N, C-alpha and C. Protein backbone atom coordinates (compact mmCIF):
# COMPACT_ATOMS: atom_id res chain seq x y z
N UNK A 1 0.79 -1.58 0.46
CA UNK A 1 0.05 0.08 0.00
C UNK A 1 0.89 1.14 0.08
N UNK A 2 0.40 2.37 -0.85
CA UNK A 2 1.22 3.67 -0.51
C UNK A 2 0.72 4.15 0.62
N UNK A 3 1.20 4.96 0.93
CA UNK A 3 0.59 6.00 2.23
C UNK A 3 1.26 6.77 3.01
N UNK A 4 0.25 8.26 2.68
CA UNK A 4 1.05 9.54 3.10
C UNK A 4 0.98 9.22 4.27
N UNK A 5 1.92 9.88 5.08
CA UNK A 5 1.72 10.43 6.08
C UNK A 5 2.41 11.79 6.72
N UNK A 6 1.39 12.81 7.22
CA UNK A 6 1.41 13.69 7.63
C UNK A 6 1.25 13.64 9.34
N UNK A 7 3.20 14.50 9.77
CA UNK A 7 3.96 14.78 11.08
C UNK A 7 4.83 13.34 11.40
N UNK A 8 5.63 12.78 10.49
CA UNK A 8 6.60 11.72 10.67
C UNK A 8 7.03 12.28 11.56
N UNK A 9 7.77 12.83 11.89
CA UNK A 9 8.80 13.33 12.72
C UNK A 9 8.30 12.99 14.27
N UNK A 10 6.64 13.58 14.45
CA UNK A 10 6.17 13.86 16.04
C UNK A 10 6.63 12.33 16.79
N UNK A 11 5.43 12.87 17.43
CA UNK A 11 5.18 11.78 19.35
C UNK A 11 5.27 10.38 18.56
N UNK A 12 3.66 10.99 17.87
CA UNK A 12 2.76 9.35 17.51
C UNK A 12 3.95 8.74 15.89
N UNK A 13 3.77 10.40 15.20
CA UNK A 13 4.19 10.05 13.79
C UNK A 13 5.26 8.97 13.54
N UNK A 14 6.50 9.35 14.28
CA UNK A 14 7.44 8.83 14.32
C UNK A 14 7.81 7.24 14.31
N UNK A 15 6.34 6.44 15.25
CA UNK A 15 6.46 4.90 15.14
C UNK A 15 5.38 4.70 14.46
N UNK A 16 4.54 5.54 13.47
CA UNK A 16 3.50 5.04 12.51
C UNK A 16 4.46 5.42 11.32
N UNK A 17 5.48 5.67 10.89
CA UNK A 17 6.17 5.60 9.65
C UNK A 17 7.52 4.18 10.48
N UNK A 18 7.49 4.10 11.00
CA UNK A 18 9.10 2.87 11.84
C UNK A 18 7.71 1.96 11.38
N UNK A 19 6.80 1.06 11.97
CA UNK A 19 5.43 0.35 11.28
C UNK A 19 5.21 0.47 9.53
N UNK A 20 4.81 1.11 9.81
CA UNK A 20 4.38 1.61 7.51
C UNK A 20 5.97 0.61 7.33
N UNK A 21 6.60 1.11 7.41
CA UNK A 21 8.28 0.91 6.69
C UNK A 21 8.70 -0.79 6.74
N UNK A 22 8.48 -1.37 8.44
CA UNK A 22 8.72 -2.62 8.91
C UNK A 22 7.58 -3.69 8.39
N UNK A 23 6.37 -3.03 7.80
CA UNK A 23 5.89 -4.24 7.02
C UNK A 23 5.62 -4.10 5.52
N UNK A 24 6.71 -3.25 5.08
CA UNK A 24 6.42 -3.20 3.81
C UNK A 24 5.83 -2.24 2.24
N UNK A 25 5.07 -1.07 3.35
CA UNK A 25 4.36 -0.07 2.56
C UNK A 25 5.60 0.77 1.85
N UNK A 26 5.04 1.20 1.03
CA UNK A 26 5.20 2.67 0.26
C UNK A 26 5.46 3.76 1.00
N UNK A 27 5.98 4.38 1.65
CA UNK A 27 5.15 5.89 2.56
C UNK A 27 6.09 7.14 2.02
N UNK A 28 5.26 8.14 1.63
CA UNK A 28 5.33 9.28 1.03
C UNK A 28 5.65 10.17 2.67
N UNK A 29 5.93 11.09 3.25
CA UNK A 29 6.45 11.21 4.25
C UNK A 29 6.07 13.16 4.05
N UNK A 30 5.35 13.91 4.22
CA UNK A 30 4.79 15.19 4.46
C UNK A 30 6.12 15.51 5.48
N UNK A 31 7.16 17.00 4.88
CA UNK A 31 7.95 17.39 6.46
C UNK A 31 8.38 18.80 5.77
N UNK A 32 7.62 19.77 6.70
CA UNK A 32 8.32 20.90 6.66
C UNK A 32 9.99 20.98 6.43
N UNK A 33 10.88 20.37 7.13
CA UNK A 33 12.29 20.28 7.07
C UNK A 33 12.56 18.91 6.17
N UNK A 34 12.43 18.19 5.21
CA UNK A 34 12.67 17.02 5.25
C UNK A 34 14.24 16.41 5.71
N UNK A 35 14.88 17.13 5.49
CA UNK A 35 16.44 17.16 6.28
C UNK A 35 15.90 16.20 7.73
N UNK A 36 14.98 16.80 9.01
CA UNK A 36 15.10 15.48 9.64
C UNK A 36 14.72 14.50 9.21
N UNK A 37 14.04 13.96 8.33
CA UNK A 37 14.38 11.98 8.10
C UNK A 37 15.44 11.95 7.27
N UNK A 38 15.66 10.47 7.81
CA UNK A 38 16.72 10.34 7.21
C UNK A 38 16.09 8.94 6.28
N UNK A 39 17.27 8.71 5.27
CA UNK A 39 17.12 8.29 3.97
C UNK A 39 16.73 7.10 4.33
N UNK A 40 15.18 5.88 3.79
CA UNK A 40 15.27 5.03 4.31
C UNK A 40 14.52 3.73 3.37
N UNK A 41 15.06 3.26 2.75
CA UNK A 41 14.22 1.75 1.94
C UNK A 41 12.57 2.12 2.02
N UNK A 42 11.84 2.36 0.72
CA UNK A 42 10.89 2.59 1.28
C UNK A 42 9.94 3.89 1.15
N UNK A 43 10.96 5.09 1.80
CA UNK A 43 10.66 6.30 2.00
C UNK A 43 10.37 6.95 1.41
N UNK A 44 10.05 7.94 0.91
CA UNK A 44 9.68 9.24 -0.36
C UNK A 44 9.44 10.39 0.19
N UNK A 45 10.08 11.26 1.15
CA UNK A 45 10.28 12.53 1.35
C UNK A 45 9.59 13.90 0.64
N UNK A 46 8.86 14.91 0.78
CA UNK A 46 8.49 15.31 0.42
C UNK A 46 7.88 17.03 1.07
N UNK A 47 8.66 17.54 0.88
CA UNK A 47 8.43 19.25 1.20
C UNK A 47 7.97 19.66 1.04
N UNK A 48 6.24 19.66 2.24
CA UNK A 48 5.23 20.40 2.26
C UNK A 48 4.62 20.69 3.84
N UNK A 49 3.83 22.25 3.22
CA UNK A 49 3.65 22.47 5.32
C UNK A 49 2.08 22.03 5.10
N UNK A 50 2.22 21.27 6.19
CA UNK A 50 0.24 21.14 6.45
C UNK A 50 -0.46 21.96 6.51
N UNK A 51 0.08 23.37 6.97
CA UNK A 51 -1.18 24.22 7.01
C UNK A 51 -1.79 24.43 5.71
N UNK A 52 -0.98 24.21 4.84
CA UNK A 52 -1.67 25.04 3.68
C UNK A 52 -1.86 23.68 2.23
N UNK A 53 -3.18 24.08 1.89
CA UNK A 53 -4.08 22.94 1.23
C UNK A 53 -3.81 22.48 0.30
N UNK A 54 -2.73 23.22 -0.49
CA UNK A 54 -2.52 22.95 -2.07
C UNK A 54 -1.27 22.40 -1.90
N UNK A 55 -0.58 22.39 -0.81
CA UNK A 55 0.86 21.71 -0.67
C UNK A 55 0.70 20.25 -0.17
N UNK A 56 -0.51 19.77 0.65
CA UNK A 56 -1.04 19.08 1.13
C UNK A 56 -1.65 17.94 -0.07
N UNK A 57 -2.45 18.50 -1.14
CA UNK A 57 -3.03 17.77 -1.92
C UNK A 57 -1.94 17.35 -2.70
N UNK A 58 -0.90 18.17 -3.03
CA UNK A 58 0.33 17.68 -4.25
C UNK A 58 0.98 16.57 -4.02
N UNK A 59 1.33 16.20 -2.67
CA UNK A 59 2.15 15.88 -2.17
C UNK A 59 1.01 13.94 -1.86
N UNK A 60 -0.36 14.13 -1.27
CA UNK A 60 -0.74 12.87 -1.18
C UNK A 60 -1.18 12.28 -2.17
N UNK A 61 -0.94 13.22 -3.60
CA UNK A 61 -2.35 12.94 -4.97
C UNK A 61 -1.73 10.80 -5.29
N UNK A 62 -2.18 10.41 -5.06
CA UNK A 62 -1.99 9.32 -6.16
C UNK A 62 -2.00 8.12 -5.12
N UNK A 63 -1.78 8.66 -3.60
CA UNK A 63 -1.55 7.52 -2.77
C UNK A 63 -2.76 6.57 -2.14
N UNK A 64 -2.25 5.48 -1.63
CA UNK A 64 -3.95 4.93 -1.15
C UNK A 64 -4.88 5.53 0.08
N UNK A 65 -3.76 5.90 0.70
CA UNK A 65 -4.14 6.42 2.14
C UNK A 65 -4.07 7.08 2.54
N UNK A 66 -4.32 7.52 3.61
CA UNK A 66 -3.33 9.27 3.96
C UNK A 66 -3.48 9.04 5.64
N UNK A 67 -2.49 9.28 6.86
CA UNK A 67 -2.13 8.91 8.37
C UNK A 67 -2.27 10.14 8.28
N UNK A 68 -2.72 11.12 9.09
CA UNK A 68 -2.71 12.79 9.82
C UNK A 68 -2.47 12.44 11.35
N UNK A 69 -1.27 12.45 11.36
CA UNK A 69 -0.49 12.58 12.88
C UNK A 69 -0.39 13.74 12.91
N UNK A 70 -0.40 14.48 12.25
CA UNK A 70 -0.78 16.52 12.79
C UNK A 70 -0.48 16.75 13.79
N UNK A 71 0.70 17.64 14.57
CA UNK A 71 0.63 18.41 16.19
C UNK A 71 1.21 18.83 16.31
N UNK A 72 0.78 21.07 15.92
CA UNK A 72 1.62 21.60 15.65
C UNK A 72 3.10 21.84 16.77
N UNK A 73 2.87 21.06 17.87
CA UNK A 73 3.81 21.31 19.33
C UNK A 73 2.88 21.46 20.73
N UNK A 74 2.96 21.09 21.61
CA UNK A 74 2.68 21.28 22.43
C UNK A 74 3.07 22.95 23.22
N UNK A 75 4.30 23.21 22.82
CA UNK A 75 4.98 24.56 23.42
C UNK A 75 4.29 25.57 22.76
N UNK A 76 3.54 24.98 21.38
CA UNK A 76 3.21 26.51 20.45
C UNK A 76 2.35 27.40 21.13
N UNK A 77 2.11 28.49 21.52
CA UNK A 77 1.51 29.33 22.61
C UNK A 77 -0.08 29.64 21.08
N UNK A 78 -0.04 28.94 20.72
CA UNK A 78 -1.54 29.21 20.39
C UNK A 78 -2.32 28.05 19.52
N UNK A 79 -2.04 27.12 20.01
CA UNK A 79 -1.72 25.91 19.65
C UNK A 79 -3.34 25.34 19.28
N UNK A 80 -4.40 26.28 19.98
CA UNK A 80 -5.84 26.12 19.16
C UNK A 80 -6.07 26.03 17.97
N UNK A 81 -5.21 27.53 17.35
CA UNK A 81 -5.65 27.79 16.22
C UNK A 81 -5.24 26.72 15.35
N UNK A 82 -3.85 26.88 15.32
CA UNK A 82 -2.80 26.31 14.97
C UNK A 82 -3.08 25.09 14.43
N UNK A 83 -3.49 24.39 15.03
CA UNK A 83 -3.54 22.91 15.55
C UNK A 83 -5.56 22.13 14.07
N UNK A 84 -6.47 23.35 14.57
CA UNK A 84 -7.50 23.46 13.32
C UNK A 84 -7.06 24.19 12.36
N UNK A 85 -6.32 25.18 12.29
CA UNK A 85 -5.47 25.48 10.47
C UNK A 85 -5.39 24.14 10.13
N UNK A 86 -4.10 23.33 10.99
CA UNK A 86 -3.70 22.15 10.22
C UNK A 86 -4.85 21.50 9.70
N UNK A 87 -5.27 21.34 10.65
CA UNK A 87 -6.79 20.27 10.09
C UNK A 87 -7.09 20.64 8.82
N UNK A 88 -8.13 21.37 9.11
CA UNK A 88 -8.86 21.93 7.94
C UNK A 88 -7.97 21.67 6.61
N UNK A 89 -6.75 22.60 6.74
CA UNK A 89 -6.15 22.29 5.27
C UNK A 89 -5.83 20.72 5.05
N UNK A 90 -5.44 20.09 5.91
CA UNK A 90 -5.08 18.23 5.78
C UNK A 90 -6.44 17.96 5.20
N UNK A 91 -7.46 18.30 5.70
CA UNK A 91 -8.65 17.19 5.09
C UNK A 91 -8.99 17.99 3.72
N UNK A 92 -9.04 19.00 3.85
CA UNK A 92 -9.17 20.06 2.27
C UNK A 92 -8.29 19.34 1.22
N UNK A 93 -7.11 19.64 1.36
CA UNK A 93 -5.88 18.52 0.84
C UNK A 93 -5.95 17.02 0.07
N UNK A 94 -6.56 16.51 1.22
CA UNK A 94 -6.88 14.82 1.07
C UNK A 94 -8.04 14.82 0.10
N UNK A 95 -8.86 15.64 -0.05
CA UNK A 95 -10.50 15.54 -0.90
C UNK A 95 -10.12 16.36 -2.23
N UNK A 96 -9.59 17.51 -2.09
CA UNK A 96 -8.65 18.12 -3.44
C UNK A 96 -8.04 16.85 -4.15
N UNK A 97 -7.28 16.13 -3.52
CA UNK A 97 -6.49 15.25 -4.32
C UNK A 97 -6.92 13.84 -4.79
N UNK A 98 -8.09 13.54 -4.79
CA UNK A 98 -9.37 12.42 -4.75
C UNK A 98 -8.74 11.20 -4.49
N UNK A 99 -8.34 11.83 -2.62
CA UNK A 99 -7.91 10.55 -1.54
C UNK A 99 -8.95 10.18 -1.01
N UNK A 100 -9.61 9.03 -1.22
CA UNK A 100 -10.50 8.60 0.01
C UNK A 100 -10.48 7.74 1.30
N UNK A 101 -9.17 7.42 1.24
CA UNK A 101 -9.06 6.97 3.26
C UNK A 101 -8.45 7.56 3.71
N UNK A 102 -8.61 8.36 5.12
CA UNK A 102 -7.52 9.06 5.74
C UNK A 102 -7.82 8.32 6.92
N UNK A 103 -7.02 8.20 7.69
CA UNK A 103 -6.88 7.88 9.34
C UNK A 103 -6.28 8.82 10.14
N UNK A 104 -7.40 9.69 10.76
CA UNK A 104 -6.94 10.91 11.74
C UNK A 104 -6.26 10.31 13.37
N UNK A 105 -5.28 10.63 13.16
CA UNK A 105 -4.61 10.40 15.39
C UNK A 105 -5.23 11.51 15.80
N UNK A 106 -6.03 11.33 16.59
CA UNK A 106 -6.59 12.00 17.60
C UNK A 106 -5.66 12.24 18.94
N UNK A 107 -7.05 13.22 19.76
CA UNK A 107 -7.04 13.03 21.58
C UNK A 107 -7.80 11.99 22.38
N UNK A 108 -7.36 12.04 23.73
CA UNK A 108 -8.27 11.13 23.89
C UNK A 108 -8.77 12.29 25.16
N UNK A 109 -9.16 13.12 24.93
CA UNK A 109 -9.72 14.38 25.74
C UNK A 109 -11.54 14.38 25.03
N UNK A 110 -11.51 13.47 23.89
CA UNK A 110 -12.63 13.90 23.55
C UNK A 110 -13.61 12.14 23.80
N UNK A 111 -13.10 11.52 24.47
CA UNK A 111 -13.69 10.15 25.75
C UNK A 111 -14.24 10.44 25.73
N UNK A 112 -15.39 9.07 26.64
CA UNK A 112 -16.49 9.96 27.18
C UNK A 112 -16.19 9.05 28.84
N UNK A 113 -15.93 9.56 29.59
CA UNK A 113 -15.63 9.89 30.75
C UNK A 113 -16.62 9.17 31.78
N UNK A 114 -17.92 9.49 31.50
CA UNK A 114 -19.14 9.37 31.69
C UNK A 114 -19.97 9.61 30.82
N UNK A 115 -21.77 9.20 30.80
CA UNK A 115 -22.57 9.98 30.29
C UNK A 115 -22.66 11.07 30.15
N UNK A 116 -22.11 11.38 28.35
CA UNK A 116 -22.56 13.33 28.59
C UNK A 116 -21.34 13.95 28.91
N UNK A 117 -20.46 13.44 29.63
CA UNK A 117 -19.23 14.06 29.88
C UNK A 117 -17.92 13.82 28.97
N UNK A 118 -17.36 14.83 28.50
CA UNK A 118 -16.05 14.08 27.80
C UNK A 118 -15.05 14.50 28.78
N UNK A 119 -13.63 13.59 28.98
CA UNK A 119 -12.59 13.55 29.69
C UNK A 119 -12.08 15.47 29.63
N UNK A 120 -12.06 16.18 27.84
CA UNK A 120 -11.36 17.34 28.24
C UNK A 120 -12.01 18.42 28.89
N UNK A 121 -13.70 17.73 29.34
CA UNK A 121 -14.56 19.20 29.98
C UNK A 121 -14.42 18.73 31.76
N UNK A 122 -13.78 17.44 32.03
CA UNK A 122 -13.65 17.41 33.72
C UNK A 122 -12.81 18.88 34.16
N UNK A 123 -13.18 18.82 35.45
CA UNK A 123 -12.45 19.98 36.24
C UNK A 123 -10.97 19.41 36.46
N UNK A 124 -10.57 18.53 36.42
CA UNK A 124 -9.22 17.71 37.52
C UNK A 124 -8.41 18.34 35.58
N UNK A 125 -9.16 18.02 34.68
CA UNK A 125 -8.33 18.40 33.51
C UNK A 125 -6.95 18.74 33.22
N UNK A 126 -6.01 18.45 33.01
CA UNK A 126 -4.79 19.84 33.57
C UNK A 126 -4.47 20.84 32.16
N UNK A 127 -4.58 21.94 32.43
CA UNK A 127 -4.17 23.32 31.69
C UNK A 127 -3.82 23.36 30.53
N UNK A 128 -2.64 22.69 30.93
CA UNK A 128 -1.39 22.97 29.86
C UNK A 128 -1.60 22.18 28.80
N UNK A 129 -2.44 21.31 28.87
CA UNK A 129 -3.14 20.37 28.07
C UNK A 129 -4.57 20.61 27.18
N UNK A 130 -5.23 21.24 28.18
CA UNK A 130 -6.24 21.73 27.76
C UNK A 130 -6.82 22.49 25.90
N UNK A 131 -5.85 23.29 25.38
CA UNK A 131 -6.33 23.87 24.29
C UNK A 131 -5.55 22.95 23.26
N UNK A 132 -5.21 22.20 23.24
CA UNK A 132 -4.77 21.20 21.83
C UNK A 132 -5.70 19.87 22.65
N UNK A 133 -5.80 19.79 23.84
CA UNK A 133 -7.51 18.49 24.29
C UNK A 133 -8.99 18.91 23.27
N UNK A 134 -8.90 20.25 22.99
CA UNK A 134 -10.50 20.77 22.99
C UNK A 134 -10.19 20.90 21.46
N UNK A 135 -8.77 21.30 20.32
CA UNK A 135 -8.69 21.24 19.17
C UNK A 135 -8.89 19.98 18.58
N UNK A 136 -8.40 19.02 19.45
CA UNK A 136 -8.41 17.75 18.91
C UNK A 136 -9.60 17.28 19.10
N UNK A 137 -10.73 17.62 20.02
CA UNK A 137 -12.36 17.48 20.18
C UNK A 137 -12.46 17.95 19.06
N UNK A 138 -12.61 19.50 18.01
CA UNK A 138 -12.79 19.93 17.55
C UNK A 138 -12.44 19.23 15.29
N UNK A 139 -11.72 18.76 15.94
CA UNK A 139 -10.95 18.16 14.82
C UNK A 139 -11.87 16.59 14.15
N UNK A 140 -12.50 16.17 15.42
CA UNK A 140 -13.55 14.80 15.31
C UNK A 140 -14.27 15.31 15.04
N UNK A 141 -15.15 15.97 15.16
CA UNK A 141 -16.44 16.82 15.35
C UNK A 141 -16.36 17.39 13.67
N UNK A 142 -14.99 17.93 13.32
CA UNK A 142 -15.24 18.12 11.64
C UNK A 142 -14.96 16.86 10.73
N UNK A 143 -14.60 16.90 11.50
CA UNK A 143 -14.32 15.34 10.26
C UNK A 143 -15.31 14.62 10.04
N UNK A 144 -16.32 14.46 11.15
CA UNK A 144 -17.46 13.29 11.41
C UNK A 144 -18.74 13.90 10.24
N UNK A 145 -18.23 15.43 9.45
CA UNK A 145 -19.33 16.60 8.32
C UNK A 145 -19.24 15.78 7.24
N UNK A 146 -17.76 15.23 6.73
CA UNK A 146 -17.15 13.99 5.86
C UNK A 146 -17.83 13.45 5.31
N UNK A 147 -18.69 13.38 4.31
CA UNK A 147 -19.29 12.55 4.13
C UNK A 147 -18.69 11.52 2.55
N UNK A 148 -17.16 12.45 1.65
CA UNK A 148 -17.13 11.92 0.68
C UNK A 148 -15.50 11.39 1.17
N UNK A 149 -14.89 11.22 2.45
CA UNK A 149 -13.78 10.45 2.91
C UNK A 149 -14.55 8.85 3.61
N UNK A 150 -13.31 7.72 3.38
CA UNK A 150 -13.54 6.94 4.34
C UNK A 150 -12.37 7.30 5.72
N UNK A 151 -12.95 8.06 6.54
CA UNK A 151 -12.16 8.24 7.31
C UNK A 151 -12.22 7.57 8.72
N UNK A 152 -11.45 7.47 9.62
CA UNK A 152 -11.26 6.70 10.92
C UNK A 152 -10.89 8.22 11.17
N UNK A 153 -11.44 7.75 12.83
CA UNK A 153 -10.33 8.55 13.88
C UNK A 153 -10.11 7.96 15.12
N UNK A 154 -9.05 8.28 15.27
CA UNK A 154 -8.52 6.26 16.51
C UNK A 154 -7.20 7.86 17.51
N UNK A 155 -8.43 7.66 18.65
CA UNK A 155 -8.06 8.38 19.78
C UNK A 155 -7.23 7.55 20.75
N UNK A 156 -5.99 8.15 21.69
CA UNK A 156 -5.40 7.10 22.13
C UNK A 156 -6.17 6.82 23.08
N UNK A 157 -5.12 5.69 24.20
CA UNK A 157 -5.79 5.64 26.10
C UNK A 157 -5.19 6.79 26.19
N UNK A 158 -5.66 7.86 27.19
CA UNK A 158 -5.83 8.63 28.18
C UNK A 158 -4.32 9.02 28.42
N UNK A 159 -3.10 7.66 28.65
CA UNK A 159 -2.18 7.55 29.13
C UNK A 159 -1.30 7.17 27.55
N UNK A 160 -0.75 8.00 27.41
CA UNK A 160 0.11 7.55 25.76
C UNK A 160 1.72 8.23 26.22
N UNK A 161 2.82 6.88 26.26
CA UNK A 161 3.87 7.08 26.51
C UNK A 161 4.52 6.28 25.62
N UNK A 162 5.82 6.43 25.44
CA UNK A 162 6.52 6.01 24.58
C UNK A 162 6.81 4.45 25.60
N UNK A 163 7.07 3.36 24.74
CA UNK A 163 7.56 2.47 25.93
C UNK A 163 7.77 0.87 24.48
N UNK A 164 7.58 -0.09 24.58
CA UNK A 164 8.15 -1.66 24.05
C UNK A 164 6.81 -1.30 23.38
N UNK A 165 7.27 -2.47 22.28
CA UNK A 165 6.44 -2.62 21.37
C UNK A 165 5.86 -3.93 21.41
N UNK A 166 4.52 -4.42 21.86
CA UNK A 166 3.71 -5.40 22.66
C UNK A 166 3.37 -5.92 20.85
N UNK A 167 2.84 -5.65 20.30
CA UNK A 167 1.83 -5.90 18.82
C UNK A 167 0.48 -6.22 19.36
N UNK A 168 -0.19 -5.80 20.94
CA UNK A 168 -1.73 -6.48 20.81
C UNK A 168 -1.94 -4.90 21.83
N UNK A 169 -3.45 -5.31 22.39
CA UNK A 169 -4.57 -4.12 22.25
C UNK A 169 -5.96 -4.15 22.53
N UNK A 170 -6.07 -3.64 23.01
CA UNK A 170 -7.86 -3.97 23.09
C UNK A 170 -8.53 -2.65 23.19
N UNK A 171 -9.70 -2.70 21.95
CA UNK A 171 -9.96 -2.14 21.59
C UNK A 171 -11.41 -1.68 22.03
N UNK A 172 -12.04 -0.28 22.52
CA UNK A 172 -13.06 0.52 22.35
C UNK A 172 -13.34 0.93 21.41
N UNK A 173 -14.56 2.66 21.68
CA UNK A 173 -15.08 3.25 20.45
C UNK A 173 -15.26 4.58 21.03
N UNK A 174 -15.84 5.10 22.03
CA UNK A 174 -16.14 6.39 22.42
C UNK A 174 -15.58 6.44 23.87
N UNK A 175 -15.47 5.62 24.50
CA UNK A 175 -15.21 5.69 26.22
C UNK A 175 -13.69 4.93 26.14
N UNK A 176 -12.72 5.68 27.21
CA UNK A 176 -11.50 4.52 27.44
C UNK A 176 -11.69 2.64 27.49
N UNK A 177 -10.52 2.27 27.57
CA UNK A 177 -10.16 1.49 27.46
C UNK A 177 -9.59 0.94 28.56
N UNK A 178 -10.93 0.48 29.67
CA UNK A 178 -10.37 0.11 31.37
C UNK A 178 -9.52 -1.17 31.97
N UNK A 179 -8.70 -0.73 32.73
CA UNK A 179 -8.04 -1.78 34.06
C UNK A 179 -8.93 -1.41 35.00
N UNK A 180 -8.67 -2.24 35.72
CA UNK A 180 -9.25 -2.59 37.29
C UNK A 180 -9.61 -1.03 38.02
N UNK A 181 -8.15 -0.25 37.94
CA UNK A 181 -7.40 1.04 38.57
C UNK A 181 -8.23 2.00 37.56
N UNK A 182 -8.75 2.16 36.60
CA UNK A 182 -9.12 3.09 35.70
C UNK A 182 -8.53 3.00 34.24
N UNK A 183 -8.83 4.13 33.84
CA UNK A 183 -8.19 3.90 32.20
C UNK A 183 -6.72 3.53 31.99
N UNK A 184 -6.92 2.50 30.37
CA UNK A 184 -5.62 2.05 30.37
C UNK A 184 -4.54 2.53 30.17
N UNK A 185 -3.74 2.88 29.74
CA UNK A 185 -2.26 3.11 29.02
C UNK A 185 -1.89 2.61 27.76
N UNK A 186 -0.88 3.18 26.33
CA UNK A 186 -1.06 1.92 25.76
C UNK A 186 0.35 3.28 25.60
N UNK A 187 1.16 2.30 24.46
CA UNK A 187 2.64 2.88 24.02
C UNK A 187 2.39 3.32 22.92
N UNK A 188 3.83 4.92 22.10
CA UNK A 188 3.20 4.85 21.45
C UNK A 188 4.00 3.83 19.82
N UNK A 189 4.30 2.96 19.88
CA UNK A 189 4.58 1.78 19.36
C UNK A 189 3.45 0.83 19.05
N UNK A 190 2.76 0.39 20.23
CA UNK A 190 1.21 0.00 20.28
C UNK A 190 -0.19 0.54 19.58
N UNK A 191 -0.01 2.24 19.69
CA UNK A 191 -0.84 2.75 19.08
C UNK A 191 -0.35 2.93 17.35
N UNK A 192 0.78 2.67 17.44
CA UNK A 192 1.33 3.08 15.80
C UNK A 192 0.69 1.48 14.85
N UNK A 193 0.82 0.44 16.30
CA UNK A 193 0.13 -1.12 15.55
C UNK A 193 -0.78 -1.19 15.05
N UNK A 194 -2.05 -0.23 15.91
CA UNK A 194 -3.38 -0.43 15.76
C UNK A 194 -3.75 0.84 14.41
N UNK A 195 -2.93 1.75 14.58
CA UNK A 195 -3.21 2.53 12.99
C UNK A 195 -3.43 1.74 11.82
N UNK A 196 -1.80 1.39 12.19
CA UNK A 196 -1.47 0.08 10.77
C UNK A 196 -2.32 -0.74 10.35
N UNK A 197 -2.79 -1.54 11.53
CA UNK A 197 -4.13 -2.87 11.50
C UNK A 197 -5.27 -1.88 10.64
N UNK A 198 -5.61 -1.13 11.45
CA UNK A 198 -6.89 -0.71 10.93
C UNK A 198 -6.46 0.02 8.96
N UNK A 199 -5.47 0.60 8.85
CA UNK A 199 -5.15 0.68 7.57
C UNK A 199 -5.52 -0.85 6.77
N UNK A 200 -4.76 -1.37 7.21
CA UNK A 200 -4.35 -2.82 6.37
C UNK A 200 -5.73 -4.04 6.56
N UNK A 201 -6.58 -3.31 7.58
CA UNK A 201 -7.93 -4.51 7.74
C UNK A 201 -8.73 -3.96 8.40
N UNK A 202 -9.62 -2.84 7.43
CA UNK A 202 -10.34 -1.54 7.89
C UNK A 202 -11.36 -2.42 8.83
N UNK A 203 -11.97 -1.44 10.18
CA UNK A 203 -12.46 -1.95 10.85
C UNK A 203 -13.64 -1.07 12.15
N UNK A 204 -13.28 0.09 11.05
CA UNK A 204 -14.02 1.50 11.47
C UNK A 204 -14.18 2.65 10.67
N UNK A 205 -14.58 2.40 9.80
CA UNK A 205 -15.03 3.25 8.30
C UNK A 205 -16.03 4.57 9.49
N UNK A 206 -15.38 5.53 9.12
CA UNK A 206 -16.45 6.71 9.49
C UNK A 206 -16.64 6.70 10.84
N UNK A 207 -15.86 5.67 11.73
CA UNK A 207 -15.75 6.24 13.06
C UNK A 207 -14.60 6.56 13.83
N UNK A 208 -15.24 6.30 15.24
CA UNK A 208 -14.10 6.74 16.20
C UNK A 208 -13.31 5.43 16.78
N UNK A 209 -12.49 5.23 17.14
CA UNK A 209 -12.33 4.30 18.26
C UNK A 209 -11.15 4.83 18.80
N UNK A 210 -11.09 3.96 19.99
CA UNK A 210 -9.75 4.21 20.40
C UNK A 210 -9.18 2.56 21.51
N UNK A 211 -7.88 2.73 21.94
CA UNK A 211 -7.12 1.60 21.86
C UNK A 211 -6.62 1.39 23.42
N UNK A 212 -6.27 0.59 23.77
CA UNK A 212 -5.37 0.20 25.33
C UNK A 212 -5.04 -1.01 26.03
N UNK A 213 -3.54 -0.69 26.31
CA UNK A 213 -3.04 -2.50 26.66
C UNK A 213 -4.02 -2.97 27.77
């Protein structure tokens, strides 16, 4: 499969890149600074700004699927605005290129902690992550309006951290995968496994799902 990857040097994106290449997929990686990506077999790097829909469209044209792991960075002062600017440009660019399959790596904040209550709206939700989480929730709301894309939105477990690749995970839809003592964890490596599994064997077309160990 030929897959375009947006955000290939990010926290999640770099693991998705590794997983895609390890399974023999051909990857077109979009990067503002191509020098940040080392040459690897099966990898083509295209200079593109994810916030420019025409650049996205040109870069992803002809691929079988797009994985959107875009995040402007948690340290960006106006992350909410930049996140949504990039999100809208990516959705528009993918449609303009005529690519149907889009998998979006989202956030856990839009998962439901209780009926009608999303995690990002809990009073204890950390302020430092809130604006990014609100933007990620809006990214989910926007993709749900798309009728021309075969989209999937994958929210990680609330506890996402670097770690070993187990190659296994549990699945839920709009509520977190739970352990006996609360929401489950997931490693970035196994989140990448779930992403590529969904690309290879789609189970959640036009749906959101989440994973955890």
